[in-house]
Amino acid sequence: MQRWLRKEPGAFDWSSIVKFVCELEGDREKWVEKEEKVRRTIKQVLKCDVTQDNPLAPLVVPPADCVLSLLCLEAACEDLLTYSSAVKNVGSLVKPGGHMILVTAIETTFYMVGQNRFFGLYLEQETVDDAVKGAGFDIVWAKMERVTYSVDVSNNRGMYALVAQKQL
């Protein structure tokens, strides 16, 4: 993220995600402007351990309007109990009425980064929904997309995105 913020070569390319957001907002053509606005808006990047009650410990921050997690929790959690706890921990960072946005690899057991193979927790859409609701959120939008990648990348069978609002 920090390399992307500084526009360094080799940084992760977020353009497809920014384009998708702009499409949802009804103006796909303004993605470059949106990307620059996001860069200007980000004030700080914090380290996070989702397995901790306070994922940002030792920092204590005020609750956020929105927390975003993209393809993280299924890699950080070794079992379903830890996953549910992690969703609750991340959700604790959101103020009542605020939102949590999750993008999750569905039905995966691994993903690759170069030649390195990493664990991925096998999740189904219902498991994600149950964890989000159990953390005190209402799902306001969700989309499942069946996607299969080469086994050189991952064995997931889909991507699941949702927006959830923390109950008041």
C-alpha atoms as a PDB file:
ATOM      1  CA  MET A   1       0.000   0.000   0.000  1.00  0.00           C
ATOM      2  CA  GLN A   2       2.769   2.420   0.890  1.00  0.00           C
ATOM      3  CA  ARG A   3       4.526   1.735  -2.422  1.00  0.00           C
ATOM      4  CA  TRP A   4       1.236   2.378  -4.265  1.00  0.00           C
ATOM      5  CA  LEU A   5       0.739   5.631  -2.376  1.00  0.00           C
ATOM      6  CA  ARG A   6       4.205   6.772  -3.508  1.00  0.00           C
ATOM      7  CA  LYS A   7       3.564   5.519  -7.099  1.00  0.00           C
ATOM      8  CA  GLU A   8       6.653   3.337  -6.970  1.00  0.00           C
ATOM      9  CA  PRO A   9       7.379   0.859  -9.755  1.00  0.00           C
ATOM     10  CA  GLY A  10       6.258  -2.675  -8.933  1.00  0.00           C
ATOM     11  CA  ALA A  11       3.539  -1.547  -6.502  1.00  0.00           C
ATOM     12  CA  PHE A  12       0.266  -3.462  -6.556  1.00  0.00           C
ATOM     13  CA  ASP A  13      -2.017  -2.165  -9.315  1.00  0.00           C
ATOM     14  CA  TRP A  14      -5.330  -1.117  -7.751  1.00  0.00           C
ATOM     15  CA  SER A  15      -6.744   0.304 -11.007  1.00  0.00           C
ATOM     16  CA  SER A  16      -9.194  -2.554 -11.662  1.00  0.00           C
ATOM     17  CA  ILE A  17     -10.709  -2.079  -8.211  1.00  0.00           C
ATOM     18  CA  VAL A  18     -10.930   1.702  -8.627  1.00  0.00           C
ATOM     19  CA  LYS A  19     -12.562   1.216 -12.042  1.00  0.00           C
ATOM     20  CA  PHE A  20     -15.087  -1.178 -10.474  1.00  0.00           C
ATOM     21  CA  VAL A  21     -15.963   1.359  -7.751  1.00  0.00           C
ATOM     22  CA  CYS A  22     -16.383   4.088 -10.382  1.00  0.00           C
ATOM     23  CA  GLU A  23     -18.637   1.774 -12.383  1.00  0.00           C
ATOM     24  CA  LEU A  24     -20.773   1.220  -9.269  1.00  0.00           C
ATOM     25  CA  GLU A  25     -20.955   4.989  -8.869  1.00  0.00           C
ATOM     26  CA  GLY A  26     -21.985   5.340 -12.517  1.00  0.00           C
ATOM     27  CA  ASP A  27     -18.886   6.995 -13.972  1.00  0.00           C
ATOM     28  CA  ARG A  28     -16.226   4.477 -14.990  1.00  0.00           C
ATOM     29  CA  GLU A  29     -14.317   7.102 -16.990  1.00  0.00           C
ATOM     30  CA  LYS A  30     -13.216   9.095 -13.920  1.00  0.00           C
ATOM     31  CA  TRP A  31     -11.170   6.292 -12.349  1.00  0.00           C
ATOM     32  CA  VAL A  32      -7.810   8.116 -12.664  1.00  0.00           C
ATOM     33  CA  GLU A  33      -9.220  11.099 -10.770  1.00  0.00           C
ATOM     34  CA  LYS A  34     -10.760   8.764  -8.172  1.00  0.00           C
ATOM     35  CA  GLU A  35      -7.440   6.961  -7.701  1.00  0.00           C
ATOM     36  CA  GLU A  36      -5.638  10.257  -7.093  1.00  0.00           C
ATOM     37  CA  LYS A  37      -8.346  11.355  -4.650  1.00  0.00           C
ATOM     38  CA  VAL A  38      -7.902   8.119  -2.702  1.00  0.00           C
ATOM     39  CA  ARG A  39      -4.122   8.645  -2.593  1.00  0.00           C
ATOM     40  CA  ARG A  40      -4.605  12.186  -1.220  1.00  0.00           C
ATOM     41  CA  THR A  41      -7.174  11.011   1.325  1.00  0.00           C
ATOM     42  CA  ILE A  42      -5.083   8.255   2.950  1.00  0.00           C
ATOM     43  CA  LYS A  43      -3.242   9.780   5.877  1.00  0.00           C
ATOM     44  CA  GLN A  44      -1.579   6.740   7.413  1.00  0.00           C
ATOM     45  CA  VAL A  45      -1.122   2.992   6.860  1.00  0.00           C
ATOM     46  CA  LEU A  46      -1.328   0.950  10.063  1.00  0.00           C
ATOM     47  CA  LYS A  47      -0.176  -2.595  10.753  1.00  0.00           C
ATOM     48  CA  CYS A  48      -3.028  -4.890  11.675  1.00  0.00           C
ATOM     49  CA  ASP A  49      -3.320  -8.312  13.366  1.00  0.00           C
ATOM     50  CA  VAL A  50      -6.912  -9.442  12.888  1.00  0.00           C
ATOM     51  CA  THR A  51      -6.500 -12.266  15.415  1.00  0.00           C
ATOM     52  CA  GLN A  52      -6.234  -9.711  18.252  1.00  0.00           C
ATOM     53  CA  ASP A  53      -9.228  -8.130  20.031  1.00  0.00           C
ATOM     54  CA  ASN A  54      -7.728  -4.756  19.093  1.00  0.00           C
ATOM     55  CA  PRO A  55      -6.267  -5.476  15.640  1.00  0.00           C
ATOM     56  CA  LEU A  56      -4.274  -2.221  15.692  1.00  0.00           C
ATOM     57  CA  ALA A  57      -2.682  -2.766  19.127  1.00  0.00           C
ATOM     58  CA  PRO A  58      -0.928  -1.067  20.730  1.00  0.00           C
ATOM     59  CA  LEU A  59      -2.669   1.845  18.962  1.00  0.00           C
ATOM     60  CA  VAL A  60      -6.172   2.840  19.952  1.00  0.00           C
ATOM     61  CA  VAL A  61      -8.041   4.700  17.235  1.00  0.00           C
ATOM     62  CA  PRO A  62     -11.531   6.150  17.103  1.00  0.00           C
ATOM     63  CA  PRO A  63     -14.092   3.975  15.309  1.00  0.00           C
ATOM     64  CA  ALA A  64     -14.015   4.380  11.525  1.00  0.00           C
ATOM     65  CA  ASP A  65     -16.800   5.149   9.079  1.00  0.00           C
ATOM     66  CA  CYS A  66     -15.619   2.263   6.898  1.00  0.00           C
ATOM     67  CA  VAL A  67     -13.164  -0.629   7.086  1.00  0.00           C
ATOM     68  CA  LEU A  68     -12.096  -2.476   3.953  1.00  0.00           C
ATOM     69  CA  SER A  69     -10.642  -6.000   3.810  1.00  0.00           C
ATOM     70  CA  LEU A  70      -9.620  -7.460   0.447  1.00  0.00           C
ATOM     71  CA  LEU A  71      -8.478 -11.083   0.324  1.00  0.00           C
ATOM     72  CA  CYS A  72      -6.959 -10.894   3.807  1.00  0.00           C
ATOM     73  CA  LEU A  73      -8.975 -12.742   6.407  1.00  0.00           C
ATOM     74  CA  GLU A  74      -8.990 -16.098   4.615  1.00  0.00           C
ATOM     75  CA  ALA A  75      -5.182 -15.951   4.554  1.00  0.00           C
ATOM     76  CA  ALA A  76      -4.791 -14.809   8.166  1.00  0.00           C
ATOM     77  CA  CYS A  77      -7.109 -17.360   9.794  1.00  0.00           C
ATOM     78  CA  GLU A  78      -6.351 -21.041  10.166  1.00  0.00           C
ATOM     79  CA  ASP A  79      -9.863 -22.209  11.050  1.00  0.00           C
ATOM     80  CA  LEU A  80     -13.510 -21.096  11.023  1.00  0.00           C
ATOM     81  CA  LEU A  81     -13.554 -20.114  14.695  1.00  0.00           C
ATOM     82  CA  THR A  82     -10.549 -17.830  14.169  1.00  0.00           C
ATOM     83  CA  TYR A  83     -12.190 -16.428  11.025  1.00  0.00           C
ATOM     84  CA  SER A  84     -15.400 -15.526  12.872  1.00  0.00           C
ATOM     85  CA  SER A  85     -13.361 -13.946  15.637  1.00  0.00           C
ATOM     86  CA  ALA A  86     -11.298 -11.985  13.096  1.00  0.00           C
ATOM     87  CA  VAL A  87     -14.430 -10.596  11.421  1.00  0.00           C
ATOM     88  CA  LYS A  88     -15.646  -9.497  14.854  1.00  0.00           C
ATOM     89  CA  ASN A  89     -12.244  -7.965  15.676  1.00  0.00           C
ATOM     90  CA  VAL A  90     -12.128  -6.026  12.406  1.00  0.00           C
ATOM     91  CA  GLY A  91     -15.764  -5.050  12.901  1.00  0.00           C
ATOM     92  CA  SER A  92     -14.882  -3.546  16.281  1.00  0.00           C
ATOM     93  CA  LEU A  93     -12.996  -0.838  14.358  1.00  0.00           C
ATOM     94  CA  VAL A  94     -16.248   0.363  12.738  1.00  0.00           C
ATOM     95  CA  LYS A  95     -18.531   2.870  14.413  1.00  0.00           C
ATOM     96  CA  PRO A  96     -22.254   2.072  14.752  1.00  0.00           C
ATOM     97  CA  GLY A  97     -23.931   2.826  11.432  1.00  0.00           C
ATOM     98  CA  GLY A  98     -20.560   2.552   9.650  1.00  0.00           C
ATOM     99  CA  HIS A  99     -19.658   0.004   7.015  1.00  0.00           C
ATOM    100  CA  MET A 100     -17.378  -2.966   6.535  1.00  0.00           C
ATOM    101  CA  ILE A 101     -16.475  -4.026   2.986  1.00  0.00           C
ATOM    102  CA  LEU A 102     -15.135  -7.531   2.465  1.00  0.00           C
ATOM    103  CA  VAL A 103     -13.830  -9.221  -0.655  1.00  0.00           C
ATOM    104  CA  THR A 104     -13.176 -12.889  -0.023  1.00  0.00           C
ATOM    105  CA  ALA A 105     -11.832 -15.838  -1.999  1.00  0.00           C
ATOM    106  CA  ILE A 106     -14.435 -18.598  -1.829  1.00  0.00           C
ATOM    107  CA  GLU A 107     -13.689 -22.328  -1.669  1.00  0.00           C
ATOM    108  CA  THR A 108      -9.917 -22.009  -1.648  1.00  0.00           C
ATOM    109  CA  THR A 109      -7.154 -23.834   0.186  1.00  0.00           C
ATOM    110  CA  PHE A 110      -4.103 -21.989  -1.155  1.00  0.00           C
ATOM    111  CA  TYR A 111      -2.801 -19.065  -3.167  1.00  0.00           C
ATOM    112  CA  MET A 112       0.560 -18.464  -4.794  1.00  0.00           C
ATOM    113  CA  VAL A 113       2.863 -15.469  -4.754  1.00  0.00           C
ATOM    114  CA  GLY A 114       5.531 -16.282  -7.275  1.00  0.00           C
ATOM    115  CA  GLN A 115       6.788 -19.734  -6.352  1.00  0.00           C
ATOM    116  CA  ASN A 116       5.612 -19.422  -2.741  1.00  0.00           C
ATOM    117  CA  ARG A 117       2.451 -21.268  -1.724  1.00  0.00           C
ATOM    118  CA  PHE A 118       0.340 -19.829   1.119  1.00  0.00           C
ATOM    119  CA  PHE A 119      -2.589 -21.233   3.064  1.00  0.00           C
ATOM    120  CA  GLY A 120      -6.110 -20.078   2.281  1.00  0.00           C
ATOM    121  CA  LEU A 121      -9.028 -20.928   4.576  1.00  0.00           C
ATOM    122  CA  TYR A 122     -11.819 -22.780   2.784  1.00  0.00           C
ATOM    123  CA  LEU A 123     -14.894 -20.556   3.096  1.00  0.00           C
ATOM    124  CA  GLU A 124     -18.349 -20.692   1.604  1.00  0.00           C
ATOM    125  CA  GLN A 125     -20.608 -17.682   1.087  1.00  0.00           C
ATOM    126  CA  GLU A 126     -22.882 -18.733   3.949  1.00  0.00           C
ATOM    127  CA  THR A 127     -19.911 -18.949   6.338  1.00  0.00           C
ATOM    128  CA  VAL A 128     -18.857 -15.396   5.486  1.00  0.00           C
ATOM    129  CA  ASP A 129     -22.442 -14.130   5.865  1.00  0.00           C
ATOM    130  CA  ASP A 130     -22.811 -15.846   9.248  1.00  0.00           C
ATOM    131  CA  ALA A 131     -19.533 -14.362  10.533  1.00  0.00           C
ATOM    132  CA  VAL A 132     -20.492 -10.854   9.384  1.00  0.00           C
ATOM    133  CA  LYS A 133     -23.957 -11.067  10.954  1.00  0.00           C
ATOM    134  CA  GLY A 134     -22.459 -12.591  14.107  1.00  0.00           C
ATOM    135  CA  ALA A 135     -20.161  -9.569  14.376  1.00  0.00           C
ATOM    136  CA  GLY A 136     -23.199  -7.253  14.571  1.00  0.00           C
ATOM    137  CA  PHE A 137     -23.559  -6.206  10.937  1.00  0.00           C
ATOM    138  CA  ASP A 138     -26.415  -6.253   8.446  1.00  0.00           C
ATOM    139  CA  ILE A 139     -25.445  -7.146   4.884  1.00  0.00           C
ATOM    140  CA  VAL A 140     -26.693  -4.378   2.596  1.00  0.00           C
ATOM    141  CA  TRP A 141     -25.143  -5.570  -0.685  1.00  0.00           C
ATOM    142  CA  ALA A 142     -23.430  -8.775  -1.767  1.00  0.00           C
ATOM    143  CA  LYS A 143     -22.244 -10.318  -4.996  1.00  0.00           C
ATOM    144  CA  MET A 144     -20.827 -13.768  -5.664  1.00  0.00           C
ATOM    145  CA  GLU A 145     -18.814 -14.205  -8.827  1.00  0.00           C
ATOM    146  CA  ARG A 146     -17.775 -17.700  -9.864  1.00  0.00           C
ATOM    147  CA  VAL A 147     -14.132 -17.367 -10.876  1.00  0.00           C
ATOM    148  CA  THR A 148     -11.528 -20.057 -11.330  1.00  0.00           C
ATOM    149  CA  TYR A 149      -7.851 -19.269 -11.662  1.00  0.00           C
ATOM    150  CA  SER A 150      -4.947 -21.369 -12.852  1.00  0.00           C
ATOM    151  CA  VAL A 151      -3.529 -23.566 -10.089  1.00  0.00           C
ATOM    152  CA  ASP A 152      -0.390 -21.470 -10.565  1.00  0.00           C
ATOM    153  CA  VAL A 153      -2.325 -18.694  -8.776  1.00  0.00           C
ATOM    154  CA  SER A 154      -5.015 -20.223  -6.527  1.00  0.00           C
ATOM    155  CA  ASN A 155      -7.591 -22.987  -6.396  1.00  0.00           C
ATOM    156  CA  ASN A 156     -10.466 -20.731  -5.355  1.00  0.00           C
ATOM    157  CA  ARG A 157     -13.816 -21.216  -7.061  1.00  0.00           C
ATOM    158  CA  GLY A 158     -15.174 -17.728  -6.607  1.00  0.00           C
ATOM    159  CA  MET A 159     -14.890 -14.225  -5.285  1.00  0.00           C
ATOM    160  CA  TYR A 160     -17.442 -12.871  -2.855  1.00  0.00           C
ATOM    161  CA  ALA A 161     -17.825  -9.153  -2.176  1.00  0.00           C
ATOM    162  CA  LEU A 162     -20.137  -7.605   0.393  1.00  0.00           C
ATOM    163  CA  VAL A 163     -20.947  -4.334   2.055  1.00  0.00           C
ATOM    164  CA  ALA A 164     -22.262  -4.575   5.596  1.00  0.00           C
ATOM    165  CA  GLN A 165     -23.525  -1.902   7.956  1.00  0.00           C
ATOM    166  CA  LYS A 166     -22.829  -2.070  11.692  1.00  0.00           C
ATOM    167  CA  GLN A 167     -26.014  -2.188  13.711  1.00  0.00           C
ATOM    168  CA  LEU A 168     -26.801   0.853  15.829  1.00  0.00           C
END
